[in-house]
């Protein structure tokens, strides 16, 4: 099954990684989000900047090294 994941979704759950595995240690702390797409599909990814709260709107920013990266939408566009 292939589905386009462009657009925005809602943060369903999140966690901030402080003690990261060795290959991600230089990126800690970083936030991992579980995003609910409007289609109902839920998938994980990384938040580009800062923290997230459940219910926040996020936008798919890029696919980098097989990981989805999200960001908050620009002010006034959500």
Protein backbone atom coordinates (compact mmCIF):
# COMPACT_ATOMS: atom_id res chain seq x y z
CA UNK A 1 0.00 0.00 0.00
CA UNK A 2 1.28 3.43 -0.89
CA UNK A 3 -0.19 6.62 0.47
CA UNK A 4 0.96 10.20 0.16
CA UNK A 5 1.82 11.65 3.55
CA UNK A 6 2.18 15.25 2.49
CA UNK A 7 0.22 17.92 4.29
CA UNK A 8 -0.41 18.25 7.97
CA UNK A 9 -1.42 16.11 10.87
CA UNK A 10 -2.03 16.30 14.60
CA UNK A 11 0.44 15.20 17.27
CA UNK A 12 -1.18 12.19 18.91
CA UNK A 13 1.70 11.52 21.31
CA UNK A 14 5.32 12.61 21.77
CA UNK A 15 8.47 12.04 23.74
CA UNK A 16 11.77 13.86 24.10
CA UNK A 17 14.91 11.75 23.91
CA UNK A 18 17.60 12.97 26.30
CA UNK A 19 19.78 9.83 26.56
CA UNK A 20 20.12 8.87 22.91
CA UNK A 21 21.86 5.88 21.34
CA UNK A 22 25.49 6.54 20.37
CA UNK A 23 24.71 7.25 16.70
CA UNK A 24 22.21 10.00 17.69
CA UNK A 25 23.95 11.29 20.84
CA UNK A 26 25.07 14.53 19.19
CA UNK A 27 21.42 15.31 18.29
CA UNK A 28 20.01 14.91 21.83
CA UNK A 29 17.72 16.16 23.14
CA UNK A 30 15.29 15.63 20.26
CA UNK A 31 11.56 15.07 20.00
CA UNK A 32 9.89 12.04 18.44
CA UNK A 33 6.23 12.47 17.54
CA UNK A 34 3.38 10.10 16.73
CA UNK A 35 1.30 12.01 14.17
CA UNK A 36 -2.25 11.27 13.15
CA UNK A 37 -2.75 12.01 9.45
CA UNK A 38 -6.23 13.22 8.35
CA UNK A 39 -6.77 9.79 6.77
CA UNK A 40 -6.54 8.23 10.25
CA UNK A 41 -3.08 6.73 9.65
CA UNK A 42 -0.64 7.24 12.53
CA UNK A 43 3.09 7.31 12.00
CA UNK A 44 6.25 8.37 13.82
CA UNK A 45 8.76 11.01 12.93
CA UNK A 46 11.09 13.65 14.30
CA UNK A 47 10.18 17.24 15.12
CA UNK A 48 12.61 19.70 13.53
CA UNK A 49 12.65 22.33 16.27
CA UNK A 50 11.61 22.43 19.86
CA UNK A 51 8.98 20.54 21.77
CA UNK A 52 5.47 19.38 20.90
CA UNK A 53 2.24 18.91 22.78
CA UNK A 54 -0.51 16.44 22.01
CA UNK A 55 -3.02 18.17 19.74
CA UNK A 56 -0.44 20.41 18.05
CA UNK A 57 -0.65 20.71 14.28
CA UNK A 58 2.52 19.74 12.42
CA UNK A 59 3.45 19.70 8.75
CA UNK A 60 5.54 17.07 7.00
CA UNK A 61 8.73 18.88 6.12
CA UNK A 62 10.96 16.23 4.56
CA UNK A 63 11.94 12.58 4.37
CA UNK A 64 15.57 12.32 5.46
CA UNK A 65 17.47 9.04 5.89
CA UNK A 66 14.17 7.08 5.85
CA UNK A 67 12.68 9.21 8.64
CA UNK A 68 9.77 11.65 8.46
CA UNK A 69 10.64 15.13 9.72
CA UNK A 70 7.90 17.50 10.86
CA UNK A 71 7.76 21.18 11.68
CA UNK A 72 5.14 23.51 13.03
CA UNK A 73 3.23 25.38 10.34
CA UNK A 74 4.07 29.02 9.79
CA UNK A 75 2.20 31.40 12.07
CA UNK A 76 -1.40 31.87 10.91
CA UNK A 77 -1.47 28.93 8.46
CA UNK A 78 -2.76 26.09 10.66
